[in-house]
């Protein structure tokens, strides 16, 4: 889920590095179309380096699907050029970053809507929140960021949680038939029941959707800032799950949940229902790819299902 820790691939002289791992990820998700997309990244990067008067300034980095190039602007300011495909998750990223205006998130400097190419302020890629030894303090950092981010009304045109919830509930009956374990099947059914209770009020806040510890970087202007949103319009309770699953610790689940709901000032019963909705969402994806729901996800649901709200 989301962008993984940025890593430095092997350097190839006189060309923009396209890591083998990034190629493999695109091929896995999109087949030959993914291979063709990655092959075109070098040309696309060169075009925007010229168009926006940028100079390469360091090793190429990458996440799950994006290629990130440290660059210098004409005045010598260090920024990053982010190259990624435009899909239902990434298409709203520019709108979200514009709405946040740097309050809790990386600043958007320029954007090409046709290709999804972004010019972003440069954060410190060597200092990730994931490196903070204390997972509880890291959880509180995420909670404080979410308090800023989800305070913003969602701009028009984003994916809507109401639509996502309705689609999940429609897909659930067929998915349940593919879960042989009765306890897991009952747990997923309970997640769907929880979503039904809140689906009529899906919320109107701007959600990040993927704010886990590896999607938070340090910067000079703020201790921590969020990167790589996959935005949608909805209830802030739907944004808690990544910080429960990242650096998963079963015994920490309820502490993290209570801490985040307290910082965000959320109704815990509603937040629990929407968090169970994230378990449902991820489990449906697993089942539709003929894979069992992840054990950690089911344990989060198990711990929260009867947690007092």
C-alpha atoms as a PDB file:
ATOM      1  CA  UNK A   1       0.000   0.000   0.000  1.00  0.00           C
ATOM      2  CA  UNK A   2       1.270   3.388  -0.962  1.00  0.00           C
ATOM      3  CA  UNK A   3       4.867   4.459  -1.671  1.00  0.00           C
ATOM      4  CA  UNK A   4       7.592   2.460   0.056  1.00  0.00           C
ATOM      5  CA  UNK A   5      10.856   3.802   1.452  1.00  0.00           C
ATOM      6  CA  UNK A   6      12.764   5.669  -1.251  1.00  0.00           C
ATOM      7  CA  UNK A   7      15.803   3.712  -2.371  1.00  0.00           C
ATOM      8  CA  UNK A   8      18.803   4.537  -4.559  1.00  0.00           C
ATOM      9  CA  UNK A   9      19.271   2.245  -7.586  1.00  0.00           C
ATOM     10  CA  UNK A  10      22.460   1.645  -9.538  1.00  0.00           C
ATOM     11  CA  UNK A  11      23.647   4.690 -11.453  1.00  0.00           C
ATOM     12  CA  UNK A  12      23.952   4.509 -15.229  1.00  0.00           C
ATOM     13  CA  UNK A  13      26.101   7.268 -16.771  1.00  0.00           C
ATOM     14  CA  UNK A  14      24.483   9.813 -19.080  1.00  0.00           C
ATOM     15  CA  UNK A  15      20.943   8.463 -18.681  1.00  0.00           C
ATOM     16  CA  UNK A  16      18.217   8.764 -16.089  1.00  0.00           C
ATOM     17  CA  UNK A  17      18.213   5.708 -13.847  1.00  0.00           C
ATOM     18  CA  UNK A  18      15.196   3.449 -14.249  1.00  0.00           C
ATOM     19  CA  UNK A  19      15.486   0.885 -11.438  1.00  0.00           C
ATOM     20  CA  UNK A  20      14.811  -2.746 -12.307  1.00  0.00           C
ATOM     21  CA  UNK A  21      12.534  -2.979  -9.275  1.00  0.00           C
ATOM     22  CA  UNK A  22      10.325  -0.156 -10.548  1.00  0.00           C
ATOM     23  CA  UNK A  23      10.080  -1.807 -13.959  1.00  0.00           C
ATOM     24  CA  UNK A  24       9.090  -5.092 -12.313  1.00  0.00           C
ATOM     25  CA  UNK A  25       6.406  -3.411 -10.225  1.00  0.00           C
ATOM     26  CA  UNK A  26       4.780  -1.769 -13.249  1.00  0.00           C
ATOM     27  CA  UNK A  27       4.934  -4.980 -15.238  1.00  0.00           C
ATOM     28  CA  UNK A  28       3.325  -6.852 -12.340  1.00  0.00           C
ATOM     29  CA  UNK A  29       0.433  -4.383 -12.175  1.00  0.00           C
ATOM     30  CA  UNK A  30      -0.033  -3.520 -15.868  1.00  0.00           C
ATOM     31  CA  UNK A  31       1.817  -6.117 -17.943  1.00  0.00           C
ATOM     32  CA  UNK A  32       3.377  -4.921 -21.187  1.00  0.00           C
ATOM     33  CA  UNK A  33       1.619  -1.571 -20.888  1.00  0.00           C
ATOM     34  CA  UNK A  34       3.493  -1.074 -17.619  1.00  0.00           C
ATOM     35  CA  UNK A  35       6.795  -1.952 -19.286  1.00  0.00           C
ATOM     36  CA  UNK A  36       6.117   0.549 -22.081  1.00  0.00           C
ATOM     37  CA  UNK A  37       5.209   3.240 -19.536  1.00  0.00           C
ATOM     38  CA  UNK A  38       8.461   2.829 -17.625  1.00  0.00           C
ATOM     39  CA  UNK A  39      10.448   2.782 -20.869  1.00  0.00           C
ATOM     40  CA  UNK A  40       9.035   6.213 -21.688  1.00  0.00           C
ATOM     41  CA  UNK A  41       9.941   7.704 -18.308  1.00  0.00           C
ATOM     42  CA  UNK A  42      13.465   8.755 -19.337  1.00  0.00           C
ATOM     43  CA  UNK A  43      12.159  10.694 -22.333  1.00  0.00           C
ATOM     44  CA  UNK A  44       9.429  12.249 -20.235  1.00  0.00           C
ATOM     45  CA  UNK A  45      11.888  13.259 -17.526  1.00  0.00           C
ATOM     46  CA  UNK A  46      14.189  14.855 -20.097  1.00  0.00           C
ATOM     47  CA  UNK A  47      11.258  16.797 -21.547  1.00  0.00           C
ATOM     48  CA  UNK A  48      10.302  18.304 -18.180  1.00  0.00           C
ATOM     49  CA  UNK A  49      13.891  18.979 -17.179  1.00  0.00           C
ATOM     50  CA  UNK A  50      14.100  21.143 -20.277  1.00  0.00           C
ATOM     51  CA  UNK A  51      10.578  22.599 -20.095  1.00  0.00           C
ATOM     52  CA  UNK A  52      10.841  23.637 -16.456  1.00  0.00           C
ATOM     53  CA  UNK A  53      14.539  24.567 -16.649  1.00  0.00           C
ATOM     54  CA  UNK A  54      15.704  21.979 -14.148  1.00  0.00           C
ATOM     55  CA  UNK A  55      19.089  20.324 -13.591  1.00  0.00           C
ATOM     56  CA  UNK A  56      19.581  16.837 -12.083  1.00  0.00           C
ATOM     57  CA  UNK A  57      20.955  17.004  -8.557  1.00  0.00           C
ATOM     58  CA  UNK A  58      21.531  13.536  -7.140  1.00  0.00           C
ATOM     59  CA  UNK A  59      20.552   9.919  -7.467  1.00  0.00           C
ATOM     60  CA  UNK A  60      17.151   8.867  -8.744  1.00  0.00           C
ATOM     61  CA  UNK A  61      14.746   7.604  -6.093  1.00  0.00           C
ATOM     62  CA  UNK A  62      11.574   5.608  -6.420  1.00  0.00           C
ATOM     63  CA  UNK A  63       8.618   4.246  -4.525  1.00  0.00           C
ATOM     64  CA  UNK A  64       6.021   1.627  -5.438  1.00  0.00           C
ATOM     65  CA  UNK A  65       5.093   3.270  -8.741  1.00  0.00           C
ATOM     66  CA  UNK A  66       6.645   6.744  -8.877  1.00  0.00           C
ATOM     67  CA  UNK A  67      10.067   7.868 -10.061  1.00  0.00           C
ATOM     68  CA  UNK A  68      11.479  10.834  -8.137  1.00  0.00           C
ATOM     69  CA  UNK A  69      14.378  12.947  -9.402  1.00  0.00           C
ATOM     70  CA  UNK A  70      16.192  15.445  -7.149  1.00  0.00           C
ATOM     71  CA  UNK A  71      16.675  18.550  -9.285  1.00  0.00           C
ATOM     72  CA  UNK A  72      17.711  22.185  -9.090  1.00  0.00           C
ATOM     73  CA  UNK A  73      15.633  25.078 -10.381  1.00  0.00           C
ATOM     74  CA  UNK A  74      17.215  27.877 -12.408  1.00  0.00           C
ATOM     75  CA  UNK A  75      17.828  29.862  -9.208  1.00  0.00           C
ATOM     76  CA  UNK A  76      19.583  26.897  -7.553  1.00  0.00           C
ATOM     77  CA  UNK A  77      16.704  25.878  -5.273  1.00  0.00           C
ATOM     78  CA  UNK A  78      16.594  22.147  -4.620  1.00  0.00           C
ATOM     79  CA  UNK A  79      13.250  20.538  -5.495  1.00  0.00           C
ATOM     80  CA  UNK A  80      12.085  17.144  -6.780  1.00  0.00           C
ATOM     81  CA  UNK A  81      10.477  16.051 -10.036  1.00  0.00           C
ATOM     82  CA  UNK A  82       7.924  13.277  -9.512  1.00  0.00           C
ATOM     83  CA  UNK A  83       6.932  11.114 -12.476  1.00  0.00           C
ATOM     84  CA  UNK A  84       3.977   8.779 -12.122  1.00  0.00           C
ATOM     85  CA  UNK A  85       1.073   7.390 -14.071  1.00  0.00           C
ATOM     86  CA  UNK A  86      -2.358   9.016 -13.837  1.00  0.00           C
ATOM     87  CA  UNK A  87      -4.928   6.627 -12.383  1.00  0.00           C
ATOM     88  CA  UNK A  88      -7.908   6.850 -10.050  1.00  0.00           C
ATOM     89  CA  UNK A  89      -5.625   7.111  -7.013  1.00  0.00           C
ATOM     90  CA  UNK A  90      -3.050   9.629  -8.298  1.00  0.00           C
ATOM     91  CA  UNK A  91      -5.293  11.882 -10.388  1.00  0.00           C
ATOM     92  CA  UNK A  92      -6.400  13.863  -7.323  1.00  0.00           C
ATOM     93  CA  UNK A  93      -2.932  14.418  -5.859  1.00  0.00           C
ATOM     94  CA  UNK A  94      -2.408  17.916  -7.320  1.00  0.00           C
ATOM     95  CA  UNK A  95      -5.840  19.091  -6.144  1.00  0.00           C
ATOM     96  CA  UNK A  96      -5.182  17.806  -2.635  1.00  0.00           C
ATOM     97  CA  UNK A  97      -1.735  19.393  -2.394  1.00  0.00           C
ATOM     98  CA  UNK A  98      -3.117  22.713  -3.638  1.00  0.00           C
ATOM     99  CA  UNK A  99      -5.900  22.573  -1.041  1.00  0.00           C
ATOM    100  CA  UNK A 100      -3.463  21.874   1.808  1.00  0.00           C
ATOM    101  CA  UNK A 101      -1.049  24.625   0.684  1.00  0.00           C
ATOM    102  CA  UNK A 102       1.807  23.029   2.596  1.00  0.00           C
ATOM    103  CA  UNK A 103      -0.053  22.820   5.912  1.00  0.00           C
ATOM    104  CA  UNK A 104       0.983  19.332   6.994  1.00  0.00           C
ATOM    105  CA  UNK A 105       1.963  18.198   3.505  1.00  0.00           C
ATOM    106  CA  UNK A 106       4.661  18.736   0.905  1.00  0.00           C
ATOM    107  CA  UNK A 107       4.151  21.838  -1.249  1.00  0.00           C
ATOM    108  CA  UNK A 108       3.204  21.504  -4.897  1.00  0.00           C
ATOM    109  CA  UNK A 109       5.172  23.940  -7.065  1.00  0.00           C
ATOM    110  CA  UNK A 110       4.109  22.958 -10.588  1.00  0.00           C
ATOM    111  CA  UNK A 111       1.981  20.293 -12.214  1.00  0.00           C
ATOM    112  CA  UNK A 112       1.346  18.930 -15.693  1.00  0.00           C
ATOM    113  CA  UNK A 113      -2.195  17.589 -15.574  1.00  0.00           C
ATOM    114  CA  UNK A 114      -1.938  15.509 -18.741  1.00  0.00           C
ATOM    115  CA  UNK A 115       0.961  13.362 -17.528  1.00  0.00           C
ATOM    116  CA  UNK A 116       0.597  13.743 -13.761  1.00  0.00           C
ATOM    117  CA  UNK A 117       4.162  15.091 -13.535  1.00  0.00           C
ATOM    118  CA  UNK A 118       4.709  17.103 -10.354  1.00  0.00           C
ATOM    119  CA  UNK A 119       7.364  19.539  -9.192  1.00  0.00           C
ATOM    120  CA  UNK A 120       7.486  19.426  -5.396  1.00  0.00           C
ATOM    121  CA  UNK A 121       9.442  21.058  -2.633  1.00  0.00           C
ATOM    122  CA  UNK A 122      12.381  18.946  -1.542  1.00  0.00           C
ATOM    123  CA  UNK A 123      12.075  17.265   1.849  1.00  0.00           C
ATOM    124  CA  UNK A 124      14.710  15.223   3.659  1.00  0.00           C
ATOM    125  CA  UNK A 125      14.440  11.741   2.134  1.00  0.00           C
ATOM    126  CA  UNK A 126      17.065  10.482   4.600  1.00  0.00           C
ATOM    127  CA  UNK A 127      14.806  11.206   7.576  1.00  0.00           C
ATOM    128  CA  UNK A 128      11.593   9.185   7.479  1.00  0.00           C
ATOM    129  CA  UNK A 129       9.128   8.979  10.326  1.00  0.00           C
ATOM    130  CA  UNK A 130       9.511   5.214   9.981  1.00  0.00           C
ATOM    131  CA  UNK A 131      13.024   5.598  11.423  1.00  0.00           C
ATOM    132  CA  UNK A 132      11.703   7.040  14.685  1.00  0.00           C
ATOM    133  CA  UNK A 133      12.353   4.271  17.229  1.00  0.00           C
ATOM    134  CA  UNK A 134       9.267   4.993  19.345  1.00  0.00           C
ATOM    135  CA  UNK A 135       6.249   3.766  17.367  1.00  0.00           C
ATOM    136  CA  UNK A 136       3.866   5.520  19.758  1.00  0.00           C
ATOM    137  CA  UNK A 137       5.485   8.881  19.140  1.00  0.00           C
ATOM    138  CA  UNK A 138       5.404   8.141  15.408  1.00  0.00           C
ATOM    139  CA  UNK A 139       1.678   7.400  15.709  1.00  0.00           C
ATOM    140  CA  UNK A 140       1.094  10.738  17.407  1.00  0.00           C
ATOM    141  CA  UNK A 141       2.982  12.510  14.599  1.00  0.00           C
ATOM    142  CA  UNK A 142       0.659  10.894  12.057  1.00  0.00           C
ATOM    143  CA  UNK A 143      -2.359  11.855  14.152  1.00  0.00           C
ATOM    144  CA  UNK A 144      -1.293  15.504  14.351  1.00  0.00           C
ATOM    145  CA  UNK A 145      -0.720  15.613  10.613  1.00  0.00           C
ATOM    146  CA  UNK A 146      -4.120  14.057   9.955  1.00  0.00           C
ATOM    147  CA  UNK A 147      -5.715  16.640  12.225  1.00  0.00           C
ATOM    148  CA  UNK A 148      -4.408  19.343   9.864  1.00  0.00           C
ATOM    149  CA  UNK A 149      -5.073  17.495   6.635  1.00  0.00           C
ATOM    150  CA  UNK A 150      -8.595  16.291   7.357  1.00  0.00           C
ATOM    151  CA  UNK A 151      -9.676  19.699   8.661  1.00  0.00           C
ATOM    152  CA  UNK A 152      -9.713  20.796   5.012  1.00  0.00           C
ATOM    153  CA  UNK A 153     -12.952  20.427   3.016  1.00  0.00           C
ATOM    154  CA  UNK A 154     -12.361  18.234   0.000  1.00  0.00           C
ATOM    155  CA  UNK A 155     -12.150  20.034  -3.352  1.00  0.00           C
ATOM    156  CA  UNK A 156     -14.587  18.897  -6.051  1.00  0.00           C
ATOM    157  CA  UNK A 157     -13.835  16.038  -8.384  1.00  0.00           C
ATOM    158  CA  UNK A 158     -12.155  13.584  -6.015  1.00  0.00           C
ATOM    159  CA  UNK A 159     -13.118   9.975  -5.404  1.00  0.00           C
ATOM    160  CA  UNK A 160     -15.891   9.781  -2.812  1.00  0.00           C
ATOM    161  CA  UNK A 161     -15.946   7.465   0.170  1.00  0.00           C
ATOM    162  CA  UNK A 162     -19.698   7.026  -0.242  1.00  0.00           C
ATOM    163  CA  UNK A 163     -19.189   5.491  -3.681  1.00  0.00           C
ATOM    164  CA  UNK A 164     -16.334   3.318  -2.433  1.00  0.00           C
ATOM    165  CA  UNK A 165     -18.406   2.055   0.502  1.00  0.00           C
ATOM    166  CA  UNK A 166     -21.389   1.220  -1.704  1.00  0.00           C
ATOM    167  CA  UNK A 167     -19.174  -0.698  -4.128  1.00  0.00           C
ATOM    168  CA  UNK A 168     -17.540  -2.632  -1.281  1.00  0.00           C
ATOM    169  CA  UNK A 169     -20.876  -3.662   0.149  1.00  0.00           C
ATOM    170  CA  UNK A 170     -22.040  -4.816  -3.284  1.00  0.00           C
ATOM    171  CA  UNK A 171     -18.927  -6.986  -3.684  1.00  0.00           C
ATOM    172  CA  UNK A 172     -18.942  -8.467  -0.196  1.00  0.00           C
ATOM    173  CA  UNK A 173     -21.499 -11.318  -0.588  1.00  0.00           C
ATOM    174  CA  UNK A 174     -19.586 -12.926  -3.459  1.00  0.00           C
ATOM    175  CA  UNK A 175     -16.259 -12.439  -1.669  1.00  0.00           C
ATOM    176  CA  UNK A 176     -17.498 -14.138   1.495  1.00  0.00           C
ATOM    177  CA  UNK A 177     -18.131 -17.314  -0.473  1.00  0.00           C
ATOM    178  CA  UNK A 178     -14.383 -17.572  -1.130  1.00  0.00           C
ATOM    179  CA  UNK A 179     -13.328 -17.516   2.535  1.00  0.00           C
ATOM    180  CA  UNK A 180     -13.121 -21.111   3.767  1.00  0.00           C
ATOM    181  CA  UNK A 181     -12.256 -20.209   7.363  1.00  0.00           C
ATOM    182  CA  UNK A 182     -15.477 -19.570   9.266  1.00  0.00           C
ATOM    183  CA  UNK A 183     -13.913 -17.177  11.792  1.00  0.00           C
ATOM    184  CA  UNK A 184     -12.336 -15.039   9.057  1.00  0.00           C
ATOM    185  CA  UNK A 185     -15.587 -15.103   7.092  1.00  0.00           C
ATOM    186  CA  UNK A 186     -17.540 -13.921  10.136  1.00  0.00           C
ATOM    187  CA  UNK A 187     -14.990 -11.186  10.815  1.00  0.00           C
ATOM    188  CA  UNK A 188     -15.208  -9.813   7.261  1.00  0.00           C
ATOM    189  CA  UNK A 189     -19.009  -9.964   7.449  1.00  0.00           C
ATOM    190  CA  UNK A 190     -18.835  -7.938  10.675  1.00  0.00           C
ATOM    191  CA  UNK A 191     -16.648  -5.351   8.918  1.00  0.00           C
ATOM    192  CA  UNK A 192     -19.282  -5.026   6.202  1.00  0.00           C
ATOM    193  CA  UNK A 193     -22.029  -4.669   8.816  1.00  0.00           C
ATOM    194  CA  UNK A 194     -20.086  -1.862  10.478  1.00  0.00           C
ATOM    195  CA  UNK A 195     -19.745  -0.040   7.158  1.00  0.00           C
ATOM    196  CA  UNK A 196     -23.493  -0.347   6.523  1.00  0.00           C
ATOM    197  CA  UNK A 197     -24.139   1.505   9.778  1.00  0.00           C
ATOM    198  CA  UNK A 198     -22.167   4.594   8.675  1.00  0.00           C
ATOM    199  CA  UNK A 199     -22.395   4.457   4.888  1.00  0.00           C
ATOM    200  CA  UNK A 200     -25.229   6.987   4.735  1.00  0.00           C
ATOM    201  CA  UNK A 201     -22.893   9.668   6.176  1.00  0.00           C
ATOM    202  CA  UNK A 202     -19.574   9.197   4.369  1.00  0.00           C
ATOM    203  CA  UNK A 203     -18.160  12.639   5.188  1.00  0.00           C
ATOM    204  CA  UNK A 204     -16.824  15.589   3.198  1.00  0.00           C
ATOM    205  CA  UNK A 205     -13.235  16.045   4.438  1.00  0.00           C
ATOM    206  CA  UNK A 206     -10.089  15.824   2.344  1.00  0.00           C
ATOM    207  CA  UNK A 207      -8.464  12.465   3.142  1.00  0.00           C
ATOM    208  CA  UNK A 208      -4.884  11.392   2.446  1.00  0.00           C
ATOM    209  CA  UNK A 209      -5.844   7.673   2.408  1.00  0.00           C
ATOM    210  CA  UNK A 210      -2.261   6.370   2.729  1.00  0.00           C
ATOM    211  CA  UNK A 211      -0.605   8.208   5.620  1.00  0.00           C
ATOM    212  CA  UNK A 212       1.670   5.577   7.109  1.00  0.00           C
ATOM    213  CA  UNK A 213       5.100   6.142   8.671  1.00  0.00           C
ATOM    214  CA  UNK A 214       7.025   5.814   5.395  1.00  0.00           C
ATOM    215  CA  UNK A 215       4.929   8.567   3.796  1.00  0.00           C
ATOM    216  CA  UNK A 216       6.079  11.189   6.299  1.00  0.00           C
ATOM    217  CA  UNK A 217       9.407  12.990   5.819  1.00  0.00           C
ATOM    218  CA  UNK A 218      11.271  15.606   7.812  1.00  0.00           C
ATOM    219  CA  UNK A 219      11.872  19.074   6.402  1.00  0.00           C
ATOM    220  CA  UNK A 220      13.507  22.371   7.299  1.00  0.00           C
ATOM    221  CA  UNK A 221      10.246  24.305   7.536  1.00  0.00           C
ATOM    222  CA  UNK A 222       8.321  21.768   9.648  1.00  0.00           C
ATOM    223  CA  UNK A 223       9.354  18.788  11.741  1.00  0.00           C
ATOM    224  CA  UNK A 224       7.313  16.363   9.605  1.00  0.00           C
ATOM    225  CA  UNK A 225       5.290  16.589   6.393  1.00  0.00           C
ATOM    226  CA  UNK A 226       3.080  14.124   4.536  1.00  0.00           C
ATOM    227  CA  UNK A 227       3.843  12.985   1.001  1.00  0.00           C
ATOM    228  CA  UNK A 228       2.159  10.858  -1.659  1.00  0.00           C
ATOM    229  CA  UNK A 229      -1.561  11.311  -0.964  1.00  0.00           C
ATOM    230  CA  UNK A 230      -4.119   9.142  -2.745  1.00  0.00           C
ATOM    231  CA  UNK A 231      -6.907  11.589  -1.903  1.00  0.00           C
ATOM    232  CA  UNK A 232     -10.616  11.122  -1.592  1.00  0.00           C
ATOM    233  CA  UNK A 233     -13.574  12.843   0.001  1.00  0.00           C
ATOM    234  CA  UNK A 234     -14.822  11.253   3.185  1.00  0.00           C
ATOM    235  CA  UNK A 235     -14.821  10.685   6.929  1.00  0.00           C
ATOM    236  CA  UNK A 236     -11.459  11.135   8.748  1.00  0.00           C
ATOM    237  CA  UNK A 237     -11.986   7.769  10.427  1.00  0.00           C
ATOM    238  CA  UNK A 238     -11.149   6.171   7.090  1.00  0.00           C
ATOM    239  CA  UNK A 239      -7.629   7.626   7.342  1.00  0.00           C
ATOM    240  CA  UNK A 240      -6.531   5.860  10.559  1.00  0.00           C
ATOM    241  CA  UNK A 241      -5.846   2.376   9.217  1.00  0.00           C
ATOM    242  CA  UNK A 242      -2.376   2.876   7.628  1.00  0.00           C
ATOM    243  CA  UNK A 243      -0.857   3.874  10.986  1.00  0.00           C
ATOM    244  CA  UNK A 244      -2.362   0.757  12.584  1.00  0.00           C
ATOM    245  CA  UNK A 245      -0.952  -1.593   9.968  1.00  0.00           C
ATOM    246  CA  UNK A 246       2.456  -0.008   9.319  1.00  0.00           C
ATOM    247  CA  UNK A 247       5.025  -1.400  11.818  1.00  0.00           C
ATOM    248  CA  UNK A 248       2.217  -3.711  12.903  1.00  0.00           C
ATOM    249  CA  UNK A 249       2.071  -4.695  16.569  1.00  0.00           C
ATOM    250  CA  UNK A 250      -1.132  -6.440  17.658  1.00  0.00           C
ATOM    251  CA  UNK A 251      -0.758  -5.181  21.226  1.00  0.00           C
ATOM    252  CA  UNK A 252      -0.462  -1.594  19.987  1.00  0.00           C
ATOM    253  CA  UNK A 253      -3.642  -1.557  17.878  1.00  0.00           C
ATOM    254  CA  UNK A 254      -6.097  -0.220  20.445  1.00  0.00           C
ATOM    255  CA  UNK A 255      -3.566   2.229  21.903  1.00  0.00           C
ATOM    256  CA  UNK A 256      -2.849   3.705  18.477  1.00  0.00           C
ATOM    257  CA  UNK A 257      -6.541   3.832  17.602  1.00  0.00           C
ATOM    258  CA  UNK A 258      -7.465   5.590  20.864  1.00  0.00           C
ATOM    259  CA  UNK A 259      -4.554   8.031  20.578  1.00  0.00           C
ATOM    260  CA  UNK A 260      -5.394   9.017  17.009  1.00  0.00           C
ATOM    261  CA  UNK A 261      -9.121   9.417  17.619  1.00  0.00           C
ATOM    262  CA  UNK A 262      -8.345  11.584  20.641  1.00  0.00           C
ATOM    263  CA  UNK A 263      -5.946  13.850  18.741  1.00  0.00           C
ATOM    264  CA  UNK A 264      -8.392  14.181  15.821  1.00  0.00           C
ATOM    265  CA  UNK A 265     -11.417  14.572  18.096  1.00  0.00           C
ATOM    266  CA  UNK A 266     -13.314  11.769  16.351  1.00  0.00           C
ATOM    267  CA  UNK A 267     -16.343   9.830  17.479  1.00  0.00           C
ATOM    268  CA  UNK A 268     -14.749   6.473  18.246  1.00  0.00           C
ATOM    269  CA  UNK A 269     -17.702   4.356  17.214  1.00  0.00           C
ATOM    270  CA  UNK A 270     -17.798   5.954  13.758  1.00  0.00           C
ATOM    271  CA  UNK A 271     -14.010   5.875  13.453  1.00  0.00           C
ATOM    272  CA  UNK A 272     -14.019   2.193  14.374  1.00  0.00           C
ATOM    273  CA  UNK A 273     -16.636   1.467  11.704  1.00  0.00           C
ATOM    274  CA  UNK A 274     -14.646   3.248   8.996  1.00  0.00           C
ATOM    275  CA  UNK A 275     -11.416   1.557  10.116  1.00  0.00           C
ATOM    276  CA  UNK A 276     -13.170  -1.790   9.786  1.00  0.00           C
ATOM    277  CA  UNK A 277     -14.140  -0.523   6.340  1.00  0.00           C
ATOM    278  CA  UNK A 278     -10.454  -0.307   5.458  1.00  0.00           C
ATOM    279  CA  UNK A 279     -10.018  -3.920   6.557  1.00  0.00           C
ATOM    280  CA  UNK A 280     -12.948  -4.800   4.311  1.00  0.00           C
ATOM    281  CA  UNK A 281     -11.458  -2.852   1.395  1.00  0.00           C
ATOM    282  CA  UNK A 282      -8.072  -4.547   1.666  1.00  0.00           C
ATOM    283  CA  UNK A 283      -9.601  -7.983   2.203  1.00  0.00           C
ATOM    284  CA  UNK A 284     -11.763  -7.628  -0.893  1.00  0.00           C
ATOM    285  CA  UNK A 285      -8.688  -6.774  -2.957  1.00  0.00           C
ATOM    286  CA  UNK A 286      -6.927  -9.855  -1.600  1.00  0.00           C
ATOM    287  CA  UNK A 287      -9.878 -12.153  -2.232  1.00  0.00           C
ATOM    288  CA  UNK A 288     -10.465 -10.843  -5.740  1.00  0.00           C
ATOM    289  CA  UNK A 289      -6.870 -11.779  -6.542  1.00  0.00           C
ATOM    290  CA  UNK A 290      -7.423 -15.292  -5.121  1.00  0.00           C
ATOM    291  CA  UNK A 291      -5.401 -14.546  -2.009  1.00  0.00           C
ATOM    292  CA  UNK A 292      -6.423 -14.845   1.625  1.00  0.00           C
ATOM    293  CA  UNK A 293      -6.988 -11.662   3.666  1.00  0.00           C
ATOM    294  CA  UNK A 294      -3.825 -10.579   5.439  1.00  0.00           C
ATOM    295  CA  UNK A 295      -3.494 -11.900   8.975  1.00  0.00           C
ATOM    296  CA  UNK A 296      -2.469  -8.494  10.345  1.00  0.00           C
ATOM    297  CA  UNK A 297      -5.546  -6.849   8.826  1.00  0.00           C
ATOM    298  CA  UNK A 298      -7.844  -9.438  10.350  1.00  0.00           C
ATOM    299  CA  UNK A 299      -6.159  -8.988  13.718  1.00  0.00           C
ATOM    300  CA  UNK A 300      -6.773  -5.227  13.560  1.00  0.00           C
ATOM    301  CA  UNK A 301     -10.452  -5.922  12.936  1.00  0.00           C
ATOM    302  CA  UNK A 302     -10.527  -8.494  15.724  1.00  0.00           C
ATOM    303  CA  UNK A 303      -8.984  -6.056  18.202  1.00  0.00           C
ATOM    304  CA  UNK A 304     -11.282  -3.194  17.238  1.00  0.00           C
ATOM    305  CA  UNK A 305     -14.529  -5.085  16.686  1.00  0.00           C
ATOM    306  CA  UNK A 306     -15.461  -5.101  20.379  1.00  0.00           C
ATOM    307  CA  UNK A 307     -13.275  -2.193  21.470  1.00  0.00           C
ATOM    308  CA  UNK A 308     -15.359   0.279  23.516  1.00  0.00           C
ATOM    309  CA  UNK A 309     -16.081   3.509  21.709  1.00  0.00           C
END
